Protein backbone atom coordinates (compact mmCIF):
# COMPACT_ATOMS: atom_id res chain seq x y z
CA GLU A 1 60.90 -10.67 8.90
CA HIS A 2 58.59 -7.78 8.11
CA THR A 3 56.48 -6.90 5.12
CA LEU A 4 55.51 -3.49 3.80
CA GLY A 5 52.28 -3.34 1.85
CA GLY A 6 52.42 -7.13 1.59
CA LYS A 7 55.92 -7.14 0.09
CA GLN A 8 58.85 -8.84 1.80
CA TYR A 9 62.18 -7.27 0.85
CA PRO A 10 65.31 -9.31 0.09
CA PHE A 11 67.29 -7.74 2.94
CA GLU A 12 66.41 -6.22 6.30
CA VAL A 13 68.84 -4.85 8.88
CA HIS A 14 68.05 -4.80 12.60
CA PHE A 15 69.82 -2.51 15.06
CA VAL A 16 69.14 -3.96 18.51
CA HIS A 17 69.40 -1.61 21.50
CA ALA A 18 69.23 -2.59 25.18
CA ASP A 19 69.14 -0.40 28.26
CA LYS A 20 70.68 -1.26 31.63
CA ASP A 21 67.49 -3.12 32.60
CA LYS A 22 67.68 -5.20 29.39
CA ASN A 23 64.62 -3.58 27.83
CA LEU A 24 64.96 -3.96 24.06
CA ALA A 25 64.23 -1.62 21.17
CA VAL A 26 64.98 -2.53 17.57
CA VAL A 27 65.24 -0.34 14.48
CA GLY A 28 64.48 -2.25 11.29
CA ILE A 29 65.50 -1.01 7.85
CA PHE A 30 64.33 -2.53 4.54
CA PHE A 31 66.64 -2.92 1.55
CA ASP A 32 65.68 -3.70 -2.05
CA LEU A 33 67.87 -4.24 -5.09
CA ASP A 34 69.09 -1.02 -6.69
CA PRO A 35 67.88 -0.82 -10.32
CA HIS A 36 71.30 0.66 -11.26
CA ASP A 37 73.09 -1.99 -9.15
CA LYS A 38 74.87 0.66 -7.05
CA PRO A 39 76.32 -0.58 -3.76
CA ASN A 40 74.92 0.87 -0.56
CA PRO A 41 77.64 2.91 1.23
CA PHE A 42 76.47 1.96 4.73
CA LEU A 43 76.39 -1.76 3.96
CA ALA A 44 79.80 -1.41 2.27
CA GLN A 45 81.22 -0.30 5.65
CA VAL A 46 79.87 -3.45 7.30
CA PHE A 47 80.58 -5.93 4.53
CA SER A 48 84.18 -4.74 4.11
CA GLN A 49 84.84 -6.25 7.54
CA PHE A 50 83.67 -9.76 6.56
CA ASP A 51 87.24 -10.82 5.77
CA GLN A 52 87.64 -11.27 9.55
CA LEU A 53 85.40 -14.33 9.25
CA THR A 54 87.54 -17.31 8.33
CA LYS A 55 85.37 -20.27 9.34
CA PRO A 56 81.73 -21.00 10.23
CA GLY A 57 80.81 -19.79 13.69
CA ASP A 58 83.40 -16.98 13.73
CA ASN A 59 82.38 -13.66 15.27
CA PHE A 60 83.92 -10.22 15.12
CA THR A 61 83.33 -6.78 16.57
CA LEU A 62 82.40 -4.18 14.00
CA ALA A 63 84.58 -1.11 13.78
CA ALA A 64 82.79 2.21 14.28
CA LEU A 65 80.17 2.81 11.60
CA ASP A 66 78.89 6.05 10.11
CA PRO A 67 75.10 5.67 9.84
CA SER A 68 74.59 9.09 8.23
CA SER A 69 74.37 7.57 4.74
CA LEU A 70 71.13 5.86 5.79
CA HIS A 71 69.29 9.22 6.09
CA VAL A 72 66.90 7.76 8.65
CA SER A 73 65.65 11.11 9.95
CA ASN A 74 63.44 11.64 6.89
CA SER A 75 61.55 8.35 7.13
CA ASN A 76 58.17 7.59 8.60
CA VAL A 77 58.38 4.86 11.25
CA PHE A 78 56.07 1.93 11.98
CA ARG A 79 56.03 1.19 15.72
CA TYR A 80 54.71 -1.80 17.62
CA SER A 81 55.48 -3.99 20.61
CA GLY A 82 56.59 -7.41 19.40
CA SER A 83 59.23 -10.04 19.92
CA LEU A 84 62.76 -10.90 18.94
CA THR A 85 63.02 -12.56 15.53
CA THR A 86 65.50 -15.14 16.82
CA GLU A 87 65.20 -17.72 19.59
CA PRO A 88 63.94 -17.48 22.25
CA PHE A 89 61.58 -15.00 20.47
CA THR A 90 61.29 -12.90 23.64
CA GLU A 91 58.23 -10.63 23.78
CA GLY A 92 58.27 -7.00 24.90
CA VAL A 93 60.57 -5.68 22.16
CA GLU A 94 59.74 -2.16 20.98
CA TRP A 95 60.01 -2.26 17.19
CA ASN A 96 60.66 0.79 15.01
CA VAL A 97 60.58 -0.17 11.33
CA LEU A 98 61.42 2.54 8.83
CA GLN A 99 58.98 2.99 5.97
CA LYS A 100 61.71 4.23 3.63
CA VAL A 101 63.24 1.39 1.60
CA HIS A 102 66.99 1.62 1.02
CA LYS A 103 68.91 0.07 -1.87
CA LEU A 104 71.72 -2.45 -2.15
CA SER A 105 73.54 -4.03 -5.06
CA LYS A 106 73.22 -7.64 -6.25
CA ALA A 107 76.88 -8.12 -5.28
CA GLN A 108 76.14 -6.98 -1.71
CA LEU A 109 73.20 -9.36 -1.41
CA LYS A 110 75.41 -12.19 -2.71
CA GLN A 111 78.19 -11.18 -0.31
CA TRP A 112 75.74 -11.50 2.58
CA SER A 113 74.53 -14.89 1.31
CA ASN A 114 78.13 -16.10 1.08
CA VAL A 115 78.69 -15.27 4.76
CA ILE A 116 75.39 -16.59 6.14
CA HIS A 117 75.13 -19.75 3.95
CA HIS A 118 71.47 -20.28 4.87
CA PRO A 119 68.21 -18.36 5.03
CA ASN A 120 68.02 -16.43 8.29
CA THR A 121 64.52 -15.03 8.22
CA ARG A 122 61.69 -15.91 10.53
CA ASP A 123 58.34 -16.68 8.94
CA ILE A 124 55.89 -13.79 8.93
CA GLN A 125 53.88 -13.88 12.16
CA ALA A 126 50.24 -12.96 12.73
CA LEU A 127 49.68 -9.61 14.43
CA ASN A 128 47.93 -11.37 17.34
CA GLY A 129 46.16 -8.19 18.39
CA ARG A 130 49.25 -5.98 18.18
CA VAL A 131 48.64 -2.39 17.18
CA VAL A 132 51.01 -0.93 14.59
CA THR A 133 51.20 2.86 14.52
CA LEU A 134 52.77 5.06 11.87
CA THR A 135 54.81 8.01 13.12
CA ARG A 136 55.35 10.62 10.42
CA ALA A 137 58.78 12.12 9.87
CA HIS A 138 59.07 15.78 10.78
CA SER A 139 61.20 18.26 8.92
CA VAL A 140 63.83 19.95 11.06
CA CYS A 141 64.01 23.00 8.79
């Protein structure tokens, strides 16, 4: 649902966060195919739980995940106020899209396609006056 330098990546993960007042913030992470076809360890944690899905429309609660393999602290972040990418496309969502592109294997992309069975991306939307800012990563050391 996002592009980076005009490129749309084959996979994008969204972590949606809501506070008690239902204000939303989303962290978006791009994924591209790994040239060595190595599986992504974070996605492996998620995808290993897909066997809980036995028929279309099934849902499941993810077990605890370890996000440390994503190394998000060393990525610049694009920030803007936008909308949800799914109906009802509610405005007022604070987006934080990491500039760093992560990798996934062809098998992982296929595994996702086998679960979803259809494209699930929203068409790229015009900025409509939105301002996108880049926040640079800061070294802790």
